[in-house]
Amino acid sequence: MLWVRGKPIAELVARHGYEGTVALLWQGFVGHDLTRAGMTETLGAARWRAFADVGTWLTIAAGRPVDAAIRIALALIPISTPGSKLN
């Protein structure tokens, strides 16, 4: 049986979902009092930002191998983002 932060995997899936599990895993590392609802909001906003810039990196990455395209996409992420500890 696999346990994560004191919870069995079956419980994480049934009660916490993806965002709740992320909140549980990141608790104490990137913030305190993280919740499923808060993580849903945060990850949702990040998805909007990522897809807003998809045209930029897709044009640059077109025709390249997948690993190269991923490196290009990651390289275009600003070092300082809202909520980042790198600000």
N, C-alpha and C. Protein backbone atom coordinates (compact mmCIF):
# COMPACT_ATOMS: atom_id res chain seq x y z
N MET A 1 0.85 -1.18 0.00
CA MET A 1 0.00 0.00 0.00
C MET A 1 0.90 1.23 0.00
N LEU A 2 0.54 2.21 -0.81
CA LEU A 2 1.30 3.45 -0.92
C LEU A 2 0.59 4.56 -0.14
N TRP A 3 1.35 5.24 0.69
CA TRP A 3 0.83 6.36 1.48
C TRP A 3 1.56 7.63 1.08
N VAL A 4 0.83 8.74 1.04
CA VAL A 4 1.41 10.05 0.74
C VAL A 4 0.97 11.01 1.83
N ARG A 5 1.94 11.54 2.54
CA ARG A 5 1.65 12.48 3.62
C ARG A 5 0.62 11.92 4.60
N GLY A 6 0.77 10.64 4.91
CA GLY A 6 -0.09 10.00 5.89
C GLY A 6 -1.45 9.58 5.38
N LYS A 7 -1.66 9.67 4.08
CA LYS A 7 -2.96 9.31 3.50
C LYS A 7 -2.76 8.22 2.45
N PRO A 8 -3.59 7.18 2.45
CA PRO A 8 -3.48 6.16 1.41
C PRO A 8 -3.93 6.73 0.05
N ILE A 9 -3.34 6.22 -1.01
CA ILE A 9 -3.65 6.72 -2.35
C ILE A 9 -5.15 6.70 -2.64
N ALA A 10 -5.82 5.64 -2.24
CA ALA A 10 -7.27 5.56 -2.49
C ALA A 10 -8.02 6.75 -1.88
N GLU A 11 -7.61 7.19 -0.70
CA GLU A 11 -8.26 8.33 -0.05
C GLU A 11 -7.94 9.62 -0.81
N LEU A 12 -6.69 9.77 -1.26
CA LEU A 12 -6.33 10.96 -2.02
C LEU A 12 -7.21 11.09 -3.27
N VAL A 13 -7.37 9.99 -3.98
CA VAL A 13 -8.18 10.00 -5.19
C VAL A 13 -9.64 10.30 -4.87
N ALA A 14 -10.17 9.62 -3.88
CA ALA A 14 -11.60 9.75 -3.56
C ALA A 14 -11.97 11.08 -2.92
N ARG A 15 -11.12 11.61 -2.07
CA ARG A 15 -11.51 12.79 -1.27
C ARG A 15 -10.80 14.08 -1.63
N HIS A 16 -9.63 13.98 -2.20
CA HIS A 16 -8.84 15.19 -2.41
C HIS A 16 -8.72 15.62 -3.87
N GLY A 17 -8.82 14.69 -4.80
CA GLY A 17 -8.66 15.03 -6.21
C GLY A 17 -7.26 15.52 -6.50
N TYR A 18 -7.04 15.92 -7.73
CA TYR A 18 -5.71 16.37 -8.15
C TYR A 18 -5.25 17.59 -7.37
N GLU A 19 -6.08 18.64 -7.37
CA GLU A 19 -5.69 19.89 -6.73
C GLU A 19 -5.50 19.73 -5.23
N GLY A 20 -6.35 18.95 -4.59
CA GLY A 20 -6.21 18.72 -3.15
C GLY A 20 -4.95 17.95 -2.82
N THR A 21 -4.59 17.01 -3.68
CA THR A 21 -3.36 16.25 -3.48
C THR A 21 -2.15 17.15 -3.67
N VAL A 22 -2.18 18.02 -4.67
CA VAL A 22 -1.08 18.98 -4.86
C VAL A 22 -0.95 19.87 -3.63
N ALA A 23 -2.06 20.36 -3.11
CA ALA A 23 -2.03 21.20 -1.91
C ALA A 23 -1.40 20.44 -0.75
N LEU A 24 -1.76 19.19 -0.59
CA LEU A 24 -1.21 18.37 0.48
C LEU A 24 0.30 18.16 0.30
N LEU A 25 0.72 17.88 -0.92
CA LEU A 25 2.14 17.64 -1.19
C LEU A 25 2.97 18.91 -1.03
N TRP A 26 2.43 20.05 -1.43
CA TRP A 26 3.19 21.31 -1.38
C TRP A 26 3.12 22.00 -0.04
N GLN A 27 2.22 21.55 0.83
CA GLN A 27 2.04 22.16 2.16
C GLN A 27 3.39 22.24 2.89
N GLY A 28 3.75 23.44 3.31
CA GLY A 28 4.99 23.64 4.05
C GLY A 28 6.20 23.90 3.17
N PHE A 29 6.07 23.62 1.86
CA PHE A 29 7.18 23.85 0.94
C PHE A 29 7.01 25.14 0.16
N VAL A 30 5.80 25.37 -0.36
CA VAL A 30 5.55 26.58 -1.13
C VAL A 30 4.48 27.46 -0.50
N GLY A 31 4.01 27.07 0.65
CA GLY A 31 3.00 27.86 1.34
C GLY A 31 2.44 27.10 2.52
N HIS A 32 1.57 27.77 3.26
CA HIS A 32 0.91 27.17 4.42
C HIS A 32 -0.59 27.34 4.23
N ASP A 33 -1.35 26.50 4.88
CA ASP A 33 -2.81 26.54 4.78
C ASP A 33 -3.29 26.41 3.34
N LEU A 34 -2.61 25.57 2.55
CA LEU A 34 -3.02 25.34 1.17
C LEU A 34 -4.28 24.49 1.17
N THR A 35 -5.21 24.82 0.27
CA THR A 35 -6.47 24.10 0.18
C THR A 35 -6.71 23.65 -1.26
N ARG A 36 -7.63 22.72 -1.40
CA ARG A 36 -8.00 22.26 -2.74
C ARG A 36 -8.57 23.42 -3.55
N ALA A 37 -9.46 24.20 -2.95
CA ALA A 37 -10.07 25.34 -3.66
C ALA A 37 -9.02 26.36 -4.06
N GLY A 38 -8.11 26.66 -3.16
CA GLY A 38 -7.05 27.62 -3.47
C GLY A 38 -6.14 27.11 -4.57
N MET A 39 -5.83 25.82 -4.54
CA MET A 39 -4.97 25.25 -5.56
C MET A 39 -5.69 25.21 -6.91
N THR A 40 -7.00 24.96 -6.90
CA THR A 40 -7.79 24.98 -8.14
C THR A 40 -7.71 26.36 -8.77
N GLU A 41 -7.86 27.39 -7.94
CA GLU A 41 -7.79 28.77 -8.44
C GLU A 41 -6.39 29.10 -8.97
N THR A 42 -5.36 28.74 -8.22
CA THR A 42 -3.99 29.04 -8.60
C THR A 42 -3.58 28.32 -9.89
N LEU A 43 -3.87 27.02 -9.96
CA LEU A 43 -3.51 26.26 -11.15
C LEU A 43 -4.33 26.70 -12.35
N GLY A 44 -5.59 27.06 -12.13
CA GLY A 44 -6.43 27.57 -13.22
C GLY A 44 -5.87 28.86 -13.81
N ALA A 45 -5.45 29.77 -12.95
CA ALA A 45 -4.86 31.03 -13.41
C ALA A 45 -3.56 30.77 -14.17
N ALA A 46 -2.77 29.82 -13.69
CA ALA A 46 -1.51 29.47 -14.37
C ALA A 46 -1.79 28.87 -15.75
N ARG A 47 -2.84 28.06 -15.85
CA ARG A 47 -3.20 27.50 -17.16
C ARG A 47 -3.59 28.60 -18.14
N TRP A 48 -4.35 29.58 -17.67
CA TRP A 48 -4.73 30.69 -18.54
C TRP A 48 -3.50 31.44 -19.04
N ARG A 49 -2.54 31.70 -18.13
CA ARG A 49 -1.31 32.40 -18.54
C ARG A 49 -0.51 31.56 -19.53
N ALA A 50 -0.42 30.26 -19.28
CA ALA A 50 0.34 29.38 -20.18
C ALA A 50 -0.27 29.34 -21.57
N PHE A 51 -1.59 29.21 -21.65
CA PHE A 51 -2.24 29.13 -22.95
C PHE A 51 -2.29 30.48 -23.66
N ALA A 52 -2.21 31.57 -22.91
CA ALA A 52 -2.17 32.89 -23.54
C ALA A 52 -0.90 33.06 -24.36
N ASP A 53 0.18 32.38 -23.96
CA ASP A 53 1.47 32.50 -24.65
C ASP A 53 1.77 31.33 -25.56
N VAL A 54 0.83 30.43 -25.76
CA VAL A 54 1.12 29.22 -26.52
C VAL A 54 1.51 29.54 -27.97
N GLY A 55 0.91 30.55 -28.56
CA GLY A 55 1.24 30.91 -29.94
C GLY A 55 2.69 31.31 -30.10
N THR A 56 3.24 31.98 -29.11
CA THR A 56 4.64 32.43 -29.17
C THR A 56 5.59 31.25 -29.26
N TRP A 57 5.46 30.30 -28.34
CA TRP A 57 6.43 29.21 -28.35
C TRP A 57 6.12 28.15 -29.39
N LEU A 58 4.85 28.00 -29.78
CA LEU A 58 4.54 27.03 -30.83
C LEU A 58 5.19 27.43 -32.16
N THR A 59 5.17 28.71 -32.46
CA THR A 59 5.80 29.19 -33.68
C THR A 59 7.30 28.91 -33.67
N ILE A 60 7.93 29.17 -32.55
CA ILE A 60 9.37 28.94 -32.42
C ILE A 60 9.70 27.45 -32.43
N ALA A 61 8.86 26.65 -31.82
CA ALA A 61 9.13 25.21 -31.65
C ALA A 61 8.68 24.37 -32.84
N ALA A 62 7.95 24.95 -33.77
CA ALA A 62 7.40 24.19 -34.90
C ALA A 62 8.48 23.40 -35.63
N GLY A 63 8.19 22.12 -35.87
CA GLY A 63 9.09 21.29 -36.63
C GLY A 63 10.26 20.71 -35.85
N ARG A 64 10.35 21.03 -34.59
CA ARG A 64 11.45 20.51 -33.76
C ARG A 64 11.00 19.25 -33.03
N PRO A 65 11.95 18.43 -32.59
CA PRO A 65 11.57 17.27 -31.78
C PRO A 65 10.87 17.71 -30.49
N VAL A 66 10.04 16.83 -29.94
CA VAL A 66 9.24 17.16 -28.76
C VAL A 66 10.12 17.65 -27.61
N ASP A 67 11.24 16.99 -27.34
CA ASP A 67 12.09 17.41 -26.22
C ASP A 67 12.64 18.81 -26.43
N ALA A 68 12.99 19.16 -27.65
CA ALA A 68 13.48 20.51 -27.94
C ALA A 68 12.35 21.53 -27.79
N ALA A 69 11.14 21.17 -28.24
CA ALA A 69 10.00 22.08 -28.12
C ALA A 69 9.67 22.35 -26.65
N ILE A 70 9.75 21.32 -25.82
CA ILE A 70 9.49 21.50 -24.39
C ILE A 70 10.54 22.41 -23.77
N ARG A 71 11.80 22.23 -24.14
CA ARG A 71 12.86 23.11 -23.61
C ARG A 71 12.61 24.56 -24.03
N ILE A 72 12.17 24.77 -25.25
CA ILE A 72 11.86 26.12 -25.72
C ILE A 72 10.72 26.72 -24.89
N ALA A 73 9.66 25.94 -24.70
CA ALA A 73 8.51 26.43 -23.92
C ALA A 73 8.94 26.78 -22.51
N LEU A 74 9.73 25.92 -21.89
CA LEU A 74 10.19 26.19 -20.52
C LEU A 74 11.11 27.39 -20.46
N ALA A 75 11.93 27.57 -21.48
CA ALA A 75 12.86 28.71 -21.50
C ALA A 75 12.12 30.04 -21.62
N LEU A 76 10.92 30.02 -22.18
CA LEU A 76 10.15 31.25 -22.34
C LEU A 76 9.32 31.63 -21.12
N ILE A 77 9.31 30.77 -20.09
CA ILE A 77 8.60 31.10 -18.86
C ILE A 77 9.42 32.14 -18.10
N PRO A 78 8.81 33.26 -17.73
CA PRO A 78 9.57 34.28 -16.99
C PRO A 78 10.08 33.74 -15.66
N ILE A 79 11.27 34.14 -15.29
CA ILE A 79 11.84 33.70 -14.01
C ILE A 79 11.00 34.23 -12.87
N SER A 80 10.54 35.44 -12.98
CA SER A 80 9.74 36.06 -11.92
C SER A 80 8.28 36.05 -12.35
N THR A 81 7.45 35.26 -11.66
CA THR A 81 6.04 35.19 -11.96
C THR A 81 5.26 35.56 -10.70
N PRO A 82 4.00 35.99 -10.87
CA PRO A 82 3.20 36.35 -9.69
C PRO A 82 3.13 35.18 -8.71
N GLY A 83 3.40 35.45 -7.46
CA GLY A 83 3.35 34.43 -6.43
C GLY A 83 4.62 33.62 -6.29
N SER A 84 5.58 33.87 -7.17
CA SER A 84 6.82 33.11 -7.12
C SER A 84 7.71 33.60 -6.00
N LYS A 85 8.48 32.68 -5.43
CA LYS A 85 9.45 33.06 -4.41
C LYS A 85 10.69 33.68 -5.04
N LEU A 86 10.72 33.74 -6.39
CA LEU A 86 11.86 34.31 -7.09
C LEU A 86 11.69 35.80 -7.38
N ASN A 87 10.57 36.39 -6.96
CA ASN A 87 10.33 37.83 -7.21
C ASN A 87 11.38 38.67 -6.52
